[in-house]
Amino acid sequence: MTSAATDLRNADPHPAAQWSLLVGFNPEQADCTTAVVLKILDNKCKMLPGEKLAVMAIYDAVRHLASPLFECAVHDAIRAARQQPGTLTLEAVHPLRVHAEAAIPKPVMKRYKAFLRDGLFG
């Protein structure tokens, strides 16, 4: 194991990850987090860099809570795009993002964004 991997494992969790565990995300919120991560990886997200980092940390903390809305392939594609962000992996994210946006009703996503804004960024 490399020292970088050891450092990561021993690092304190991001405050946003701690917050997500404290408030107890439900499967719907975990799905919305996954959708936002896909949007971030597809370069379509308008969040500030620190906000994007916070959402990625939340995803890492709550992805296991996601409902069956997203198959394992979605999480595998996210992992691949994060580990080796290249043209092929990032191109694979685009149709997944489009599907996520179509699958999650707009009022649900709007409620999730307000939840994030109020609880984390507010």
N, C-alpha and C. Protein backbone atom coordinates (compact mmCIF):
# COMPACT_ATOMS: atom_id res chain seq x y z
N MET A 1 0.85 -1.18 0.00
CA MET A 1 0.00 0.00 0.00
C MET A 1 0.89 1.24 0.00
N THR A 2 0.52 2.22 -0.80
CA THR A 2 1.31 3.43 -0.88
C THR A 2 1.02 4.32 0.32
N SER A 3 1.94 5.23 0.56
CA SER A 3 1.72 6.15 1.68
C SER A 3 0.54 7.07 1.39
N ALA A 4 0.29 7.40 0.12
CA ALA A 4 -0.86 8.24 -0.23
C ALA A 4 -2.16 7.53 0.13
N ALA A 5 -2.22 6.23 -0.15
CA ALA A 5 -3.42 5.46 0.19
C ALA A 5 -3.60 5.40 1.70
N THR A 6 -2.50 5.24 2.41
CA THR A 6 -2.55 5.22 3.87
C THR A 6 -3.03 6.57 4.39
N ASP A 7 -2.51 7.66 3.82
CA ASP A 7 -2.92 9.00 4.24
C ASP A 7 -4.42 9.20 4.01
N LEU A 8 -4.93 8.73 2.85
CA LEU A 8 -6.34 8.88 2.54
C LEU A 8 -7.20 8.11 3.54
N ARG A 9 -6.78 6.90 3.85
CA ARG A 9 -7.55 6.07 4.76
C ARG A 9 -7.58 6.68 6.16
N ASN A 10 -6.50 7.32 6.56
CA ASN A 10 -6.40 7.90 7.89
C ASN A 10 -6.88 9.34 7.96
N ALA A 11 -7.23 9.92 6.81
CA ALA A 11 -7.64 11.32 6.77
C ALA A 11 -8.99 11.50 7.45
N ASP A 12 -9.18 12.67 8.03
CA ASP A 12 -10.47 13.00 8.62
C ASP A 12 -11.49 13.13 7.49
N PRO A 13 -12.71 12.65 7.71
CA PRO A 13 -13.73 12.79 6.67
C PRO A 13 -14.07 14.26 6.44
N HIS A 14 -14.43 14.57 5.23
CA HIS A 14 -14.85 15.92 4.87
C HIS A 14 -16.06 16.30 5.75
N PRO A 15 -16.15 17.54 6.19
CA PRO A 15 -17.30 17.96 7.02
C PRO A 15 -18.65 17.66 6.37
N ALA A 16 -18.72 17.75 5.05
CA ALA A 16 -19.99 17.45 4.37
C ALA A 16 -20.36 15.98 4.51
N ALA A 17 -19.37 15.10 4.47
CA ALA A 17 -19.62 13.67 4.67
C ALA A 17 -20.11 13.42 6.09
N GLN A 18 -19.48 14.09 7.04
CA GLN A 18 -19.91 13.95 8.43
C GLN A 18 -21.35 14.44 8.60
N TRP A 19 -21.66 15.57 7.98
CA TRP A 19 -23.02 16.12 8.05
C TRP A 19 -24.02 15.14 7.47
N SER A 20 -23.70 14.55 6.31
CA SER A 20 -24.65 13.63 5.66
C SER A 20 -24.94 12.42 6.53
N LEU A 21 -23.94 11.95 7.25
CA LEU A 21 -24.15 10.81 8.14
C LEU A 21 -24.94 11.23 9.38
N LEU A 22 -24.71 12.45 9.83
CA LEU A 22 -25.41 12.96 11.01
C LEU A 22 -26.91 13.14 10.75
N VAL A 23 -27.24 13.71 9.59
CA VAL A 23 -28.66 13.95 9.28
C VAL A 23 -29.37 12.69 8.81
N GLY A 24 -28.61 11.68 8.41
CA GLY A 24 -29.21 10.42 7.99
C GLY A 24 -29.93 10.49 6.66
N PHE A 25 -29.17 10.50 5.58
CA PHE A 25 -29.75 10.54 4.24
C PHE A 25 -30.65 9.33 4.01
N ASN A 26 -31.73 9.55 3.28
CA ASN A 26 -32.60 8.44 2.87
C ASN A 26 -32.24 8.03 1.44
N PRO A 27 -32.78 6.93 0.93
CA PRO A 27 -32.42 6.49 -0.42
C PRO A 27 -32.70 7.54 -1.51
N GLU A 28 -33.79 8.29 -1.38
CA GLU A 28 -34.08 9.34 -2.36
C GLU A 28 -32.98 10.39 -2.38
N GLN A 29 -32.52 10.81 -1.22
CA GLN A 29 -31.45 11.81 -1.14
C GLN A 29 -30.13 11.24 -1.67
N ALA A 30 -29.89 9.96 -1.42
CA ALA A 30 -28.68 9.32 -1.96
C ALA A 30 -28.75 9.28 -3.48
N ASP A 31 -29.94 9.00 -4.03
CA ASP A 31 -30.10 9.01 -5.49
C ASP A 31 -29.87 10.40 -6.06
N CYS A 32 -30.40 11.40 -5.40
CA CYS A 32 -30.20 12.78 -5.86
C CYS A 32 -28.72 13.15 -5.81
N THR A 33 -28.03 12.70 -4.78
CA THR A 33 -26.59 12.95 -4.68
C THR A 33 -25.88 12.31 -5.85
N THR A 34 -26.25 11.08 -6.19
CA THR A 34 -25.66 10.39 -7.33
C THR A 34 -25.89 11.17 -8.61
N ALA A 35 -27.10 11.69 -8.79
CA ALA A 35 -27.42 12.48 -9.98
C ALA A 35 -26.56 13.75 -10.05
N VAL A 36 -26.35 14.41 -8.92
CA VAL A 36 -25.52 15.62 -8.91
C VAL A 36 -24.07 15.26 -9.23
N VAL A 37 -23.59 14.14 -8.71
CA VAL A 37 -22.22 13.70 -9.02
C VAL A 37 -22.08 13.46 -10.52
N LEU A 38 -23.06 12.82 -11.13
CA LEU A 38 -23.01 12.61 -12.58
C LEU A 38 -22.97 13.95 -13.31
N LYS A 39 -23.72 14.92 -12.82
CA LYS A 39 -23.73 16.25 -13.44
C LYS A 39 -22.37 16.93 -13.28
N ILE A 40 -21.75 16.77 -12.11
CA ILE A 40 -20.42 17.33 -11.88
C ILE A 40 -19.42 16.71 -12.84
N LEU A 41 -19.44 15.38 -12.94
CA LEU A 41 -18.48 14.68 -13.80
C LEU A 41 -18.72 14.97 -15.28
N ASP A 42 -19.95 15.33 -15.64
CA ASP A 42 -20.28 15.67 -17.02
C ASP A 42 -20.05 17.15 -17.31
N ASN A 43 -19.47 17.86 -16.36
CA ASN A 43 -19.17 19.29 -16.48
C ASN A 43 -20.41 20.13 -16.80
N LYS A 44 -21.53 19.77 -16.21
CA LYS A 44 -22.77 20.52 -16.41
C LYS A 44 -23.27 21.15 -15.12
N CYS A 45 -22.49 21.05 -14.06
CA CYS A 45 -22.90 21.55 -12.75
C CYS A 45 -22.40 22.97 -12.54
N LYS A 46 -23.27 23.83 -12.03
CA LYS A 46 -22.92 25.24 -11.83
C LYS A 46 -22.46 25.55 -10.41
N MET A 47 -22.24 24.52 -9.60
CA MET A 47 -21.78 24.74 -8.23
C MET A 47 -20.35 25.28 -8.22
N LEU A 48 -20.01 25.93 -7.13
CA LEU A 48 -18.64 26.38 -6.92
C LEU A 48 -17.76 25.17 -6.62
N PRO A 49 -16.45 25.27 -6.86
CA PRO A 49 -15.56 24.12 -6.63
C PRO A 49 -15.67 23.51 -5.23
N GLY A 50 -15.77 24.34 -4.20
CA GLY A 50 -15.89 23.81 -2.84
C GLY A 50 -17.19 23.06 -2.62
N GLU A 51 -18.25 23.53 -3.27
CA GLU A 51 -19.54 22.85 -3.18
C GLU A 51 -19.49 21.51 -3.89
N LYS A 52 -18.82 21.48 -5.04
CA LYS A 52 -18.67 20.21 -5.76
C LYS A 52 -17.90 19.20 -4.92
N LEU A 53 -16.84 19.66 -4.30
CA LEU A 53 -16.05 18.78 -3.43
C LEU A 53 -16.91 18.24 -2.29
N ALA A 54 -17.75 19.09 -1.73
CA ALA A 54 -18.63 18.67 -0.64
C ALA A 54 -19.61 17.59 -1.12
N VAL A 55 -20.19 17.77 -2.30
CA VAL A 55 -21.13 16.79 -2.83
C VAL A 55 -20.43 15.47 -3.11
N MET A 56 -19.21 15.53 -3.62
CA MET A 56 -18.46 14.29 -3.87
C MET A 56 -18.20 13.56 -2.55
N ALA A 57 -17.90 14.30 -1.50
CA ALA A 57 -17.67 13.68 -0.19
C ALA A 57 -18.96 13.06 0.35
N ILE A 58 -20.07 13.75 0.14
CA ILE A 58 -21.37 13.20 0.55
C ILE A 58 -21.64 11.91 -0.21
N TYR A 59 -21.40 11.93 -1.51
CA TYR A 59 -21.61 10.72 -2.33
C TYR A 59 -20.82 9.54 -1.76
N ASP A 60 -19.57 9.78 -1.43
CA ASP A 60 -18.73 8.71 -0.89
C ASP A 60 -19.32 8.16 0.41
N ALA A 61 -19.96 9.01 1.18
CA ALA A 61 -20.51 8.60 2.47
C ALA A 61 -21.87 7.90 2.35
N VAL A 62 -22.66 8.25 1.33
CA VAL A 62 -24.05 7.75 1.29
C VAL A 62 -24.38 6.88 0.08
N ARG A 63 -23.45 6.65 -0.81
CA ARG A 63 -23.80 5.91 -2.04
C ARG A 63 -24.37 4.53 -1.75
N HIS A 64 -23.98 3.94 -0.64
CA HIS A 64 -24.49 2.60 -0.30
C HIS A 64 -25.98 2.63 0.08
N LEU A 65 -26.53 3.81 0.29
CA LEU A 65 -27.94 3.95 0.66
C LEU A 65 -28.86 4.07 -0.55
N ALA A 66 -28.28 4.20 -1.73
CA ALA A 66 -29.07 4.47 -2.93
C ALA A 66 -30.10 3.37 -3.19
N SER A 67 -31.23 3.78 -3.73
CA SER A 67 -32.28 2.83 -4.09
C SER A 67 -31.88 2.12 -5.38
N PRO A 68 -32.69 1.17 -5.82
CA PRO A 68 -32.36 0.47 -7.07
C PRO A 68 -32.49 1.33 -8.32
N LEU A 69 -32.77 2.61 -8.17
CA LEU A 69 -32.88 3.50 -9.34
C LEU A 69 -31.61 3.44 -10.18
N PHE A 70 -30.47 3.39 -9.52
CA PHE A 70 -29.20 3.34 -10.24
C PHE A 70 -28.56 1.97 -10.06
N GLU A 71 -28.22 1.36 -11.17
CA GLU A 71 -27.56 0.06 -11.14
C GLU A 71 -26.11 0.23 -10.70
N CYS A 72 -25.49 -0.89 -10.38
CA CYS A 72 -24.07 -0.88 -10.01
C CYS A 72 -23.21 -0.26 -11.11
N ALA A 73 -23.65 -0.41 -12.36
CA ALA A 73 -22.88 0.14 -13.49
C ALA A 73 -22.72 1.65 -13.37
N VAL A 74 -23.72 2.33 -12.81
CA VAL A 74 -23.63 3.78 -12.64
C VAL A 74 -22.52 4.11 -11.65
N HIS A 75 -22.51 3.40 -10.54
CA HIS A 75 -21.48 3.65 -9.53
C HIS A 75 -20.10 3.24 -10.04
N ASP A 76 -20.05 2.19 -10.85
CA ASP A 76 -18.78 1.78 -11.46
C ASP A 76 -18.28 2.86 -12.42
N ALA A 77 -19.18 3.45 -13.19
CA ALA A 77 -18.80 4.51 -14.13
C ALA A 77 -18.32 5.75 -13.38
N ILE A 78 -18.96 6.07 -12.27
CA ILE A 78 -18.52 7.21 -11.45
C ILE A 78 -17.13 6.94 -10.92
N ARG A 79 -16.92 5.74 -10.39
CA ARG A 79 -15.60 5.40 -9.85
C ARG A 79 -14.53 5.50 -10.95
N ALA A 80 -14.81 4.96 -12.13
CA ALA A 80 -13.85 5.00 -13.23
C ALA A 80 -13.55 6.44 -13.66
N ALA A 81 -14.59 7.26 -13.75
CA ALA A 81 -14.39 8.66 -14.16
C ALA A 81 -13.59 9.44 -13.13
N ARG A 82 -13.74 9.09 -11.88
CA ARG A 82 -12.98 9.78 -10.83
C ARG A 82 -11.54 9.30 -10.77
N GLN A 83 -11.33 8.01 -10.99
CA GLN A 83 -9.98 7.45 -10.90
C GLN A 83 -9.14 7.78 -12.12
N GLN A 84 -9.75 7.71 -13.29
CA GLN A 84 -9.02 8.00 -14.53
C GLN A 84 -9.89 8.87 -15.43
N PRO A 85 -9.93 10.16 -15.13
CA PRO A 85 -10.79 11.04 -15.92
C PRO A 85 -10.23 11.27 -17.32
N GLY A 86 -10.68 10.48 -18.24
CA GLY A 86 -10.27 10.61 -19.64
C GLY A 86 -11.51 10.69 -20.51
N THR A 87 -11.29 10.84 -21.78
CA THR A 87 -12.40 11.01 -22.71
C THR A 87 -13.40 9.87 -22.64
N LEU A 88 -12.91 8.62 -22.64
CA LEU A 88 -13.82 7.48 -22.64
C LEU A 88 -14.65 7.39 -21.37
N THR A 89 -14.01 7.54 -20.23
CA THR A 89 -14.77 7.42 -18.98
C THR A 89 -15.73 8.59 -18.82
N LEU A 90 -15.32 9.78 -19.20
CA LEU A 90 -16.20 10.92 -19.05
C LEU A 90 -17.35 10.89 -20.06
N GLU A 91 -17.10 10.35 -21.27
CA GLU A 91 -18.17 10.21 -22.25
C GLU A 91 -19.22 9.20 -21.77
N ALA A 92 -18.78 8.21 -21.00
CA ALA A 92 -19.72 7.21 -20.47
C ALA A 92 -20.66 7.83 -19.44
N VAL A 93 -20.25 8.92 -18.83
CA VAL A 93 -21.06 9.57 -17.79
C VAL A 93 -22.25 10.32 -18.40
N HIS A 94 -22.08 10.88 -19.58
CA HIS A 94 -23.12 11.74 -20.17
C HIS A 94 -24.49 11.05 -20.26
N PRO A 95 -24.60 9.87 -20.89
CA PRO A 95 -25.93 9.25 -20.96
C PRO A 95 -26.48 8.86 -19.58
N LEU A 96 -25.60 8.57 -18.65
CA LEU A 96 -26.04 8.25 -17.30
C LEU A 96 -26.63 9.48 -16.62
N ARG A 97 -26.00 10.64 -16.85
CA ARG A 97 -26.53 11.90 -16.30
C ARG A 97 -27.90 12.21 -16.90
N VAL A 98 -28.01 12.07 -18.20
CA VAL A 98 -29.28 12.34 -18.87
C VAL A 98 -30.38 11.43 -18.32
N HIS A 99 -30.05 10.16 -18.14
CA HIS A 99 -31.01 9.21 -17.56
C HIS A 99 -31.40 9.61 -16.14
N ALA A 100 -30.41 10.00 -15.34
CA ALA A 100 -30.68 10.39 -13.95
C ALA A 100 -31.60 11.60 -13.90
N GLU A 101 -31.36 12.57 -14.76
CA GLU A 101 -32.19 13.77 -14.77
C GLU A 101 -33.62 13.44 -15.19
N ALA A 102 -33.77 12.46 -16.09
CA ALA A 102 -35.11 12.06 -16.53
C ALA A 102 -35.82 11.21 -15.47
N ALA A 103 -35.05 10.43 -14.73
CA ALA A 103 -35.63 9.48 -13.76
C ALA A 103 -36.07 10.14 -12.46
N ILE A 104 -35.40 11.21 -12.08
CA ILE A 104 -35.74 11.87 -10.81
C ILE A 104 -36.63 13.07 -11.12
N PRO A 105 -37.85 13.07 -10.60
CA PRO A 105 -38.76 14.19 -10.88
C PRO A 105 -38.16 15.54 -10.43
N LYS A 106 -38.42 16.56 -11.21
CA LYS A 106 -37.88 17.89 -10.90
C LYS A 106 -38.22 18.37 -9.49
N PRO A 107 -39.45 18.17 -9.00
CA PRO A 107 -39.74 18.62 -7.63
C PRO A 107 -38.88 17.90 -6.58
N VAL A 108 -38.58 16.64 -6.82
CA VAL A 108 -37.74 15.88 -5.89
C VAL A 108 -36.33 16.46 -5.88
N MET A 109 -35.79 16.74 -7.06
CA MET A 109 -34.44 17.30 -7.14
C MET A 109 -34.41 18.72 -6.57
N LYS A 110 -35.45 19.48 -6.80
CA LYS A 110 -35.52 20.84 -6.26
C LYS A 110 -35.53 20.80 -4.73
N ARG A 111 -36.30 19.86 -4.17
CA ARG A 111 -36.36 19.70 -2.71
C ARG A 111 -34.98 19.29 -2.16
N TYR A 112 -34.30 18.41 -2.88
CA TYR A 112 -32.96 17.96 -2.46
C TYR A 112 -31.97 19.13 -2.47
N LYS A 113 -32.00 19.92 -3.52
CA LYS A 113 -31.08 21.06 -3.61
C LYS A 113 -31.34 22.06 -2.48
N ALA A 114 -32.60 22.28 -2.15
CA ALA A 114 -32.93 23.16 -1.02
C ALA A 114 -32.43 22.56 0.29
N PHE A 115 -32.57 21.26 0.44
CA PHE A 115 -32.08 20.54 1.62
C PHE A 115 -30.56 20.73 1.75
N LEU A 116 -29.83 20.58 0.65
CA LEU A 116 -28.38 20.79 0.67
C LEU A 116 -28.04 22.23 1.01
N ARG A 117 -28.69 23.14 0.32
CA ARG A 117 -28.41 24.57 0.52
C ARG A 117 -28.65 24.98 1.97
N ASP A 118 -29.78 24.57 2.52
CA ASP A 118 -30.12 24.95 3.89
C ASP A 118 -29.25 24.26 4.92
N GLY A 119 -29.03 22.98 4.73
CA GLY A 119 -28.32 22.20 5.74
C GLY A 119 -26.82 22.28 5.67
N LEU A 120 -26.30 22.46 4.48
CA LEU A 120 -24.85 22.40 4.31
C LEU A 120 -24.24 23.73 3.92
N PHE A 121 -24.85 24.40 2.96
CA PHE A 121 -24.27 25.63 2.44
C PHE A 121 -24.92 26.88 3.04
N GLY A 122 -26.04 26.69 3.75
CA GLY A 122 -26.80 27.83 4.26
C GLY A 122 -26.17 28.39 5.47
